[in-house]
Amino acid sequence: MSKTTHDPYLTAYPALADSLPGRELPWLQTLRGEALQAFGERGFPGHREEEWRYTDLSALSKTVFAPTTGQVIDVAWLNQYRLDDAISVVLVNGRFAADLSRIDADAGAVTVSSLKDLLTETPAVLEGRLGQAVTTAEHSLVAFNNAWFGDGVVIEVAAKQALDKPLQILHVVTEANALAATRNLFIVHDQADAVFIETYVGSVDSYFTASVNECLLGRNAGLTLYKVQLEAEKARHFGGTYVKQAPDSRFVHHNFALGSLLARSDIHSDLDKASDCTLNGLFVASGRQHLDNHTRINHLQPHGISREYYKGVLDNRARGVFQGRVIVAEGAQHTDSEMNNRNLLLSADAEVDTKPQLEIYNDDVKCSHGVTVGQLEEKSVFYLQSRGVDEATARNILTFAFANEMVDKVENAELKGLLLKELLQRFPAISL
């Protein structure tokens, strides 16, 4: 993109830089400096980049979203998204909010810290870890996050420990035109097991969330990560999760994209020997929403297993994107990989761009992919009408059933209830 696209952010950066954590850390300043230079050279991603060809981010330059330190929040409003039976970590406008968080976990099993606090008090624990799962070279939104992040959360699960309840990370934005740029580090040590639930919400219309997660999984470790994106009507969202899996590790990701005007979600994982990766996703959009989902699974060593299943539901003039890429390296014999993307268009003006990719550099593998794009079957609508159901309700029932298959994969009852509530708001003619 042209330089004018991102000049306002570069112009504003010097005044912001002094307030960012880690100013005295040479290794972090090197990371930020390289990221700022990369963003200055490339700007926000555009159509000319193959992995961004369906998503135009030029709108981000029309309003210069800026970090804020405000943390005023309606707790009653927040609690409608908080899971009762979970450890909860709250970030407001991109800043860790200790007074709103409920961290009552066994200290021997898990530690939860503000990234900003660690950079101030014990930065050595982060050196060599930040930037391990994703680098500035990935794309310019990662570079943007590297330069602009002000806080985040670091969660570390001790070896051979299994959390007895899920840990929810609530990302909340409460101020208009705010930039919530967070960097999060999830470390699950050898033979440990955990469930994390990311929830993104906002109480104002227009803002920009730019969140990057780095997940480091030890040998025979397991992490199930849910992402529930319920951003406000005019919000912009970028959320990237980048995973390094040690041998025999298990990573499961459930991605639910229901909110935001413009959103991009990256889920990338590098698999070591006999690692297992499962990616499930559902994106539901209406109006002029644009929801982009980009996944990449790198099978780097033998005996890896991956399963990927994404569904999209698009109505009105909404646009959905699914780009799924599976790479099987030359030495990754006996890889077993399946990818499937199914999409339902509810309007003649709705659009979905789907691009499944298999890159296989080894003969001794089992890999497959499939894609469908279609509309509701009229005979199914007619069948329900013949049973006394009006047409609008019949269409909502069939659409809900299509989407609910992904919700049924959620094992946490509270989270499933929250998702069902959100889906029913989009298909209101149904009663359960």
Protein backbone atom coordinates (compact mmCIF):
# COMPACT_ATOMS: atom_id res chain seq x y z
CA MET A 1 0.00 0.00 0.00
CA SER A 2 1.02 3.60 -0.39
CA LYS A 3 2.90 5.30 2.39
CA THR A 4 0.02 7.73 3.00
CA THR A 5 -2.03 4.81 4.28
CA HIS A 6 -0.02 4.47 7.46
CA ASP A 7 1.70 7.87 7.85
CA PRO A 8 -0.68 9.01 10.64
CA TYR A 9 0.36 6.07 12.81
CA LEU A 10 4.05 6.66 12.18
CA THR A 11 3.65 10.36 12.91
CA ALA A 12 1.92 9.62 16.21
CA TYR A 13 4.38 6.92 17.29
CA PRO A 14 7.21 9.04 18.81
CA ALA A 15 4.82 10.59 21.34
CA LEU A 16 3.53 7.14 22.24
CA ALA A 17 6.88 5.34 22.45
CA ASP A 18 7.90 6.75 25.84
CA SER A 19 4.77 5.31 27.45
CA LEU A 20 5.31 1.76 26.17
CA PRO A 21 6.83 -0.77 28.58
CA GLY A 22 10.41 -1.97 28.22
CA ARG A 23 12.05 1.26 27.05
CA GLU A 24 15.23 0.29 28.95
CA LEU A 25 15.48 -3.21 27.47
CA PRO A 26 17.83 -3.37 24.46
CA TRP A 27 16.39 -6.65 23.13
CA LEU A 28 12.83 -5.30 23.22
CA GLN A 29 13.80 -2.00 21.66
CA THR A 30 15.47 -3.95 18.85
CA LEU A 31 12.24 -5.90 18.35
CA ARG A 32 10.15 -2.74 18.34
CA GLY A 33 12.56 -0.86 16.08
CA GLU A 34 12.62 -3.62 13.47
CA ALA A 35 8.83 -3.85 13.61
CA LEU A 36 8.35 -0.10 13.20
CA GLN A 37 10.68 -0.09 10.21
CA ALA A 38 8.87 -3.03 8.63
CA PHE A 39 5.49 -1.40 9.14
CA GLY A 40 6.83 1.85 7.72
CA GLU A 41 7.98 0.07 4.59
CA ARG A 42 4.87 -2.05 4.02
CA GLY A 43 1.94 -0.32 5.69
CA PHE A 44 -1.26 -2.21 6.36
CA PRO A 45 -1.66 -5.35 4.22
CA GLY A 46 -3.44 -4.94 0.90
CA HIS A 47 -4.78 -6.85 -2.09
CA ARG A 48 -1.35 -7.13 -3.69
CA GLU A 49 -0.28 -9.56 -0.96
CA GLU A 50 -1.47 -13.06 -1.84
CA GLU A 51 -2.59 -13.94 1.69
CA TRP A 52 -4.54 -10.67 1.96
CA ARG A 53 -6.03 -10.49 -1.53
CA TYR A 54 -9.63 -10.70 -0.29
CA THR A 55 -9.36 -8.20 2.59
CA ASP A 56 -8.82 -4.45 2.31
CA LEU A 57 -7.50 -2.82 5.47
CA SER A 58 -7.21 0.72 4.08
CA ALA A 59 -10.12 1.79 6.30
CA LEU A 60 -7.80 1.52 9.31
CA SER A 61 -6.03 4.67 8.16
CA LYS A 62 -9.18 6.80 8.05
CA THR A 63 -9.29 7.04 11.84
CA VAL A 64 -6.07 6.99 13.84
CA PHE A 65 -6.97 4.63 16.66
CA ALA A 66 -4.90 5.49 19.73
CA PRO A 67 -4.07 3.69 22.99
CA THR A 68 -5.87 4.82 26.11
CA THR A 69 -5.29 4.22 29.80
CA GLY A 70 -8.98 4.48 30.71
CA GLN A 71 -10.45 1.48 32.56
CA VAL A 72 -13.92 2.68 33.53
CA ILE A 73 -16.35 -0.18 32.95
CA ASP A 74 -19.89 -1.28 33.72
CA VAL A 75 -19.25 -4.44 35.74
CA ALA A 76 -22.81 -5.70 35.32
CA TRP A 77 -22.42 -5.44 31.55
CA LEU A 78 -19.05 -7.23 31.72
CA ASN A 79 -20.43 -10.06 33.83
CA GLN A 80 -22.84 -11.15 31.11
CA TYR A 81 -19.78 -12.39 29.22
CA ARG A 82 -17.87 -13.73 32.23
CA LEU A 83 -18.04 -17.47 32.88
CA ASP A 84 -18.84 -18.20 36.51
CA ASP A 85 -16.91 -21.45 36.83
CA ALA A 86 -13.63 -20.19 35.39
CA ILE A 87 -10.51 -18.32 36.30
CA SER A 88 -10.96 -14.92 34.64
CA VAL A 89 -8.37 -12.43 33.44
CA VAL A 90 -9.66 -9.06 32.26
CA LEU A 91 -7.96 -6.59 29.95
CA VAL A 92 -9.70 -3.24 29.50
CA ASN A 93 -8.71 -1.15 26.50
CA GLY A 94 -5.63 -3.32 26.14
CA ARG A 95 -4.52 -2.99 29.78
CA PHE A 96 -4.48 -5.71 32.44
CA ALA A 97 -7.16 -4.99 35.05
CA ALA A 98 -6.20 -6.78 38.26
CA ASP A 99 -9.23 -5.49 40.21
CA LEU A 100 -11.65 -6.99 37.68
CA SER A 101 -9.82 -10.29 37.29
CA ARG A 102 -10.59 -13.38 39.37
CA ILE A 103 -7.40 -15.37 39.66
CA ASP A 104 -7.95 -17.90 42.41
CA ALA A 105 -6.09 -20.79 40.77
CA ASP A 106 -3.66 -23.10 42.49
CA ALA A 107 -0.40 -21.16 42.34
CA GLY A 108 1.51 -24.38 41.84
CA ALA A 109 -0.38 -25.19 38.65
CA VAL A 110 -0.57 -21.88 36.82
CA THR A 111 0.81 -18.36 37.03
CA VAL A 112 -0.93 -15.37 35.47
CA SER A 113 0.91 -12.08 35.04
CA SER A 114 0.56 -8.76 33.31
CA LEU A 115 3.03 -8.56 30.42
CA LYS A 116 3.74 -4.94 31.30
CA ASP A 117 4.53 -5.86 34.91
CA LEU A 118 6.92 -8.62 33.85
CA LEU A 119 8.73 -6.29 31.47
CA THR A 120 9.14 -3.85 34.35
CA GLU A 121 9.98 -6.24 37.18
CA THR A 122 11.45 -9.49 35.74
CA PRO A 123 12.07 -8.98 32.02
CA ALA A 124 14.56 -11.85 31.82
CA VAL A 125 11.70 -14.38 31.87
CA LEU A 126 10.44 -12.95 28.56
CA GLU A 127 13.67 -12.50 26.67
CA GLY A 128 13.92 -15.23 24.04
CA ARG A 129 10.26 -16.12 24.41
CA LEU A 130 8.59 -13.12 22.81
CA GLY A 131 8.93 -13.55 19.08
CA GLN A 132 9.61 -17.29 19.30
CA ALA A 133 6.34 -18.41 17.69
CA VAL A 134 5.90 -15.49 15.27
CA THR A 135 8.24 -12.86 13.86
CA THR A 136 7.86 -9.42 12.36
CA ALA A 137 8.37 -10.98 8.92
CA GLU A 138 4.97 -12.76 9.13
CA HIS A 139 3.08 -9.70 7.89
CA SER A 140 2.73 -6.03 8.71
CA LEU A 141 -0.06 -6.43 11.28
CA VAL A 142 2.27 -8.57 13.37
CA ALA A 143 4.87 -5.84 12.88
CA PHE A 144 2.27 -3.29 13.98
CA ASN A 145 1.56 -5.32 17.12
CA ASN A 146 5.28 -5.71 17.88
CA ALA A 147 5.74 -1.94 17.77
CA TRP A 148 2.51 -0.82 19.45
CA PHE A 149 1.63 -3.38 22.15
CA GLY A 150 1.31 -1.84 25.60
CA ASP A 151 0.30 -4.79 27.73
CA GLY A 152 -1.09 -8.30 27.63
CA VAL A 153 -1.15 -11.42 29.73
CA VAL A 154 1.43 -14.15 30.33
CA ILE A 155 0.01 -17.50 31.41
CA GLU A 156 2.28 -20.38 32.35
CA VAL A 157 1.03 -23.87 33.23
CA ALA A 158 3.54 -25.93 35.19
CA ALA A 159 4.77 -29.32 33.99
CA LYS A 160 2.54 -32.33 34.72
CA GLN A 161 -0.29 -30.07 35.91
CA ALA A 162 -3.87 -30.02 34.61
CA LEU A 163 -6.07 -27.02 35.39
CA ASP A 164 -9.29 -28.09 37.09
CA LYS A 165 -11.27 -25.26 35.49
CA PRO A 166 -10.94 -23.20 32.30
CA LEU A 167 -9.15 -19.87 32.23
CA GLN A 168 -11.02 -17.06 30.48
CA ILE A 169 -9.27 -14.02 29.03
CA LEU A 170 -11.76 -11.18 28.59
CA HIS A 171 -10.63 -8.48 26.14
CA VAL A 172 -12.90 -5.47 26.65
CA VAL A 173 -12.92 -2.08 24.89
CA THR A 174 -14.91 0.76 26.46
CA GLU A 175 -13.66 3.92 24.73
CA ALA A 176 -14.43 5.08 21.19
CA ASN A 177 -11.54 5.15 18.70
CA ALA A 178 -9.31 3.25 21.13
CA LEU A 179 -6.46 1.01 20.02
CA ALA A 180 -6.25 -2.13 22.17
CA ALA A 181 -2.90 -3.63 21.16
CA THR A 182 -2.03 -6.62 23.32
CA ARG A 183 0.66 -9.29 23.25
CA ASN A 184 -0.11 -12.54 25.06
CA LEU A 185 2.15 -15.46 25.85
CA PHE A 186 0.73 -18.88 26.71
CA ILE A 187 3.23 -21.49 27.89
CA VAL A 188 2.09 -25.03 28.64
CA HIS A 189 4.96 -27.13 29.90
CA ASP A 190 5.64 -30.84 29.40
CA GLN A 191 2.70 -33.15 30.18
CA ALA A 192 0.51 -30.26 31.31
CA ASP A 193 -3.06 -29.68 30.14
CA ALA A 194 -5.24 -26.56 30.05
CA VAL A 195 -8.31 -24.91 28.54
CA PHE A 196 -8.20 -21.17 27.76
CA ILE A 197 -11.15 -19.13 26.50
CA GLU A 198 -10.58 -15.79 24.78
CA THR A 199 -13.61 -13.49 24.66
CA TYR A 200 -13.53 -10.19 22.73
CA VAL A 201 -16.28 -7.63 23.41
CA GLY A 202 -16.80 -3.87 23.30
CA SER A 203 -19.28 -1.42 24.81
CA VAL A 204 -18.66 1.30 22.19
CA ASP A 205 -19.05 1.17 18.43
CA SER A 206 -15.74 2.07 16.78
CA TYR A 207 -12.31 0.88 17.92
CA PHE A 208 -9.40 -1.34 16.81
CA THR A 209 -8.31 -4.53 18.54
CA ALA A 210 -4.88 -5.84 17.55
CA SER A 211 -4.03 -8.93 19.58
CA VAL A 212 -1.24 -11.47 19.06
CA ASN A 213 -0.95 -14.73 20.99
CA GLU A 214 2.18 -16.86 21.10
CA CYS A 215 1.57 -20.42 22.34
CA LEU A 216 4.49 -22.62 23.33
CA LEU A 217 3.52 -26.24 24.01
CA GLY A 218 5.92 -28.67 25.68
CA ARG A 219 6.26 -32.41 25.09
CA ASN A 220 2.98 -34.28 25.50
CA ALA A 221 1.28 -31.04 26.54
CA GLY A 222 -2.31 -30.20 25.66
CA LEU A 223 -3.96 -26.83 25.09
CA THR A 224 -7.56 -26.26 24.05
CA LEU A 225 -8.06 -22.61 23.09
CA TYR A 226 -11.45 -21.06 22.36
CA LYS A 227 -11.79 -17.69 20.66
CA VAL A 228 -15.16 -15.94 20.85
CA GLN A 229 -15.13 -12.73 18.81
CA LEU A 230 -18.19 -10.63 19.70
CA GLU A 231 -16.76 -7.19 18.93
CA ALA A 232 -19.00 -4.14 18.51
CA GLU A 233 -20.83 -3.24 15.32
CA LYS A 234 -18.20 -0.87 13.86
CA ALA A 235 -15.10 -2.36 15.46
CA ARG A 236 -12.03 -3.55 13.57
CA HIS A 237 -10.33 -6.67 14.79
CA PHE A 238 -7.09 -8.49 14.16
CA GLY A 239 -6.36 -11.55 16.25
CA GLY A 240 -3.41 -13.80 15.52
CA THR A 241 -2.59 -17.04 17.35
CA TYR A 242 0.77 -18.62 16.55
CA VAL A 243 1.69 -21.98 18.03
CA LYS A 244 4.88 -24.00 18.45
CA GLN A 245 4.09 -27.63 19.26
CA ALA A 246 6.71 -29.95 20.77
CA PRO A 247 6.62 -33.71 20.02
CA ASP A 248 3.40 -35.50 21.05
CA SER A 249 1.64 -32.24 21.95
CA ARG A 250 -2.04 -31.55 21.29
CA PHE A 251 -3.52 -28.24 20.21
CA VAL A 252 -7.25 -27.72 19.69
CA HIS A 253 -8.66 -24.37 18.59
CA HIS A 254 -12.33 -23.35 18.34
CA ASN A 255 -12.81 -20.04 16.54
CA PHE A 256 -16.21 -18.29 16.69
CA ALA A 257 -16.33 -15.03 14.71
CA LEU A 258 -19.70 -13.32 15.11
CA GLY A 259 -18.93 -9.63 15.65
CA SER A 260 -17.00 -6.67 14.25
CA LEU A 261 -17.39 -4.74 11.01
CA LEU A 262 -14.02 -5.92 9.71
CA ALA A 263 -12.11 -8.81 11.27
CA ARG A 264 -9.16 -11.00 10.43
CA SER A 265 -8.19 -14.09 12.41
CA ASP A 266 -4.89 -15.94 11.93
CA ILE A 267 -4.39 -19.42 13.39
CA HIS A 268 -0.96 -20.85 12.56
CA SER A 269 0.68 -23.89 14.12
CA ASP A 270 4.03 -25.64 13.63
CA LEU A 271 3.85 -29.36 14.44
CA ASP A 272 6.77 -31.44 15.66
CA LYS A 273 6.91 -35.26 15.64
CA ALA A 274 3.57 -36.99 16.38
CA SER A 275 1.88 -33.69 17.22
CA ASP A 276 -1.86 -33.32 16.88
CA CYS A 277 -3.67 -30.16 15.75
CA THR A 278 -7.42 -29.60 15.41
CA LEU A 279 -8.90 -26.33 14.12
CA ASN A 280 -12.66 -25.76 14.24
CA GLY A 281 -14.33 -22.52 13.21
CA LEU A 282 -17.64 -20.78 12.63
CA PHE A 283 -18.09 -17.31 11.15
CA VAL A 284 -21.53 -15.71 10.93
CA ALA A 285 -21.90 -12.33 9.24
CA SER A 286 -24.69 -10.04 8.06
CA GLY A 287 -25.12 -6.44 6.93
CA ARG A 288 -21.76 -5.22 5.58
CA GLN A 289 -19.58 -7.34 7.86
CA HIS A 290 -16.33 -8.73 6.49
CA LEU A 291 -14.86 -11.73 8.35
CA ASP A 292 -11.54 -13.19 7.18
CA ASN A 293 -10.15 -16.47 8.53
CA HIS A 294 -6.61 -17.55 7.72
CA THR A 295 -5.17 -20.84 8.96
CA ARG A 296 -1.82 -22.50 8.38
CA ILE A 297 -0.71 -25.89 9.66
CA ASN A 298 2.94 -26.76 9.17
CA HIS A 299 3.71 -30.48 9.45
CA LEU A 300 7.46 -30.33 10.03
CA GLN A 301 8.13 -33.84 11.37
CA PRO A 302 6.72 -37.37 10.86
CA HIS A 303 3.46 -38.83 12.23
CA GLY A 304 1.64 -35.53 12.66
CA ILE A 305 -2.17 -35.42 12.59
CA SER A 306 -4.31 -32.41 11.73
CA ARG A 307 -8.04 -31.92 11.35
CA GLU A 308 -9.68 -28.70 10.22
CA TYR A 309 -13.38 -27.94 9.87
CA TYR A 310 -14.72 -24.41 9.24
CA LYS A 311 -18.26 -23.23 8.48
CA GLY A 312 -19.48 -19.84 7.29
CA VAL A 313 -22.95 -18.28 7.24
CA LEU A 314 -23.32 -15.06 5.23
CA ASP A 315 -26.40 -12.86 4.86
CA ASN A 316 -27.28 -9.47 3.29
CA ARG A 317 -24.12 -7.94 1.76
CA ALA A 318 -21.69 -9.66 4.12
CA ARG A 319 -18.44 -11.18 2.92
CA GLY A 320 -16.57 -14.12 4.37
CA VAL A 321 -13.09 -15.41 3.66
CA PHE A 322 -11.53 -18.76 4.43
CA GLN A 323 -7.92 -19.41 3.50
CA GLY A 324 -6.69 -22.73 4.85
CA ARG A 325 -3.17 -23.89 4.15
CA VAL A 326 -1.58 -27.21 5.11
CA ILE A 327 2.13 -27.68 4.44
CA VAL A 328 3.77 -31.10 4.68
CA ALA A 329 7.55 -30.80 4.83
CA GLU A 330 9.89 -33.15 3.00
CA GLY A 331 10.73 -35.12 6.13
CA ALA A 332 7.20 -35.33 7.52
CA GLN A 333 6.34 -38.91 6.56
CA HIS A 334 3.06 -40.50 7.68
CA THR A 335 1.30 -37.15 8.00
CA ASP A 336 -2.49 -37.49 8.25
CA SER A 337 -4.37 -34.29 7.42
CA GLU A 338 -7.98 -33.40 6.59
CA MET A 339 -9.47 -29.98 5.81
CA ASN A 340 -13.10 -29.08 5.12
CA ASN A 341 -14.85 -25.76 4.61
CA ARG A 342 -18.64 -25.48 4.18
CA ASN A 343 -20.43 -22.18 3.53
CA LEU A 344 -24.07 -21.14 3.48
CA LEU A 345 -25.18 -18.02 1.61
CA LEU A 346 -28.53 -16.61 2.73
CA SER A 347 -28.64 -13.72 0.26
CA ALA A 348 -27.89 -13.18 -3.42
CA ASP A 349 -25.61 -10.30 -2.36
CA ALA A 350 -23.60 -12.30 0.18
CA GLU A 351 -20.18 -13.56 -0.88
CA VAL A 352 -17.59 -15.99 0.34
CA ASP A 353 -14.05 -16.50 -0.94
CA THR A 354 -12.61 -19.87 -0.01
CA LYS A 355 -9.11 -21.04 -0.79
CA PRO A 356 -7.98 -24.38 0.64
CA GLN A 357 -4.35 -25.20 -0.08
CA LEU A 358 -2.31 -28.39 0.30
CA GLU A 359 1.46 -28.17 -0.19
CA ILE A 360 2.92 -31.64 0.03
CA TYR A 361 6.65 -32.34 -0.28
CA ASN A 362 6.47 -36.01 0.68
CA ASP A 363 4.83 -39.04 -0.93
CA ASP A 364 4.10 -41.09 2.18
CA VAL A 365 1.18 -39.04 3.51
CA LYS A 366 -2.61 -39.05 3.73
CA CYS A 367 -4.08 -35.62 2.98
CA SER A 368 -7.47 -34.39 1.74
CA HIS A 369 -9.57 -31.25 1.52
CA GLY A 370 -13.10 -30.29 0.53
CA VAL A 371 -15.13 -27.11 -0.01
CA THR A 372 -18.85 -26.41 -0.49
CA VAL A 373 -20.69 -23.13 -1.08
CA GLY A 374 -24.47 -23.22 -1.32
CA GLN A 375 -27.87 -22.02 -0.22
CA LEU A 376 -30.63 -23.59 1.85
CA GLU A 377 -32.36 -26.47 0.10
CA GLU A 378 -35.82 -25.36 -0.89
CA LYS A 379 -37.19 -28.85 -0.41
CA SER A 380 -36.10 -28.73 3.24
CA VAL A 381 -37.78 -25.35 3.67
CA PHE A 382 -40.93 -26.72 2.01
CA TYR A 383 -40.89 -29.79 4.27
CA LEU A 384 -40.95 -27.64 7.41
CA GLN A 385 -43.67 -25.43 5.92
CA SER A 386 -45.74 -28.53 5.25
CA ARG A 387 -45.53 -29.23 8.97
CA GLY A 388 -47.06 -25.85 9.83
CA VAL A 389 -43.86 -23.77 10.18
CA ASP A 390 -43.86 -20.37 8.45
CA GLU A 391 -41.17 -19.75 5.84
CA ALA A 392 -39.03 -17.31 7.87
CA THR A 393 -38.94 -19.63 10.88
CA ALA A 394 -38.19 -22.62 8.63
CA ARG A 395 -35.19 -20.84 7.15
CA ASN A 396 -33.94 -19.80 10.58
CA ILE A 397 -34.27 -23.35 11.91
CA LEU A 398 -32.24 -24.78 9.02
CA THR A 399 -29.61 -22.06 9.27
CA PHE A 400 -29.32 -22.52 13.02
CA ALA A 401 -28.92 -26.28 12.58
CA PHE A 402 -26.12 -25.69 10.07
CA ALA A 403 -24.24 -23.36 12.45
CA ASN A 404 -25.01 -25.27 15.63
CA GLU A 405 -22.90 -28.24 14.51
CA MET A 406 -19.83 -26.18 15.43
CA VAL A 407 -21.29 -25.08 18.77
CA ASP A 408 -21.95 -28.73 19.62
CA LYS A 409 -18.19 -29.30 19.56
CA VAL A 410 -17.84 -26.99 22.61
CA GLU A 411 -17.36 -29.05 25.76
CA ASN A 412 -17.82 -26.27 28.32
CA ALA A 413 -21.54 -25.96 29.15
CA GLU A 414 -21.40 -22.28 30.19
CA LEU A 415 -19.57 -21.27 27.03
CA LYS A 416 -21.94 -23.31 24.89
CA GLY A 417 -24.85 -21.47 26.49
CA LEU A 418 -23.28 -18.08 25.71
CA LEU A 419 -22.74 -19.07 22.08
CA LEU A 420 -26.26 -20.41 21.71
CA LYS A 421 -27.61 -17.13 23.08
CA GLU A 422 -25.58 -15.17 20.52
CA LEU A 423 -26.73 -17.40 17.66
CA LEU A 424 -30.38 -17.14 18.70
CA GLN A 425 -30.10 -13.34 18.58
CA ARG A 426 -29.15 -13.73 14.93
CA PHE A 427 -31.91 -16.23 14.18
CA PRO A 428 -34.66 -14.90 16.49
CA ALA A 429 -37.57 -16.90 15.11
CA ILE A 430 -36.33 -20.06 16.83
CA SER A 431 -37.28 -21.14 20.32
CA LEU A 432 -35.42 -23.93 22.10
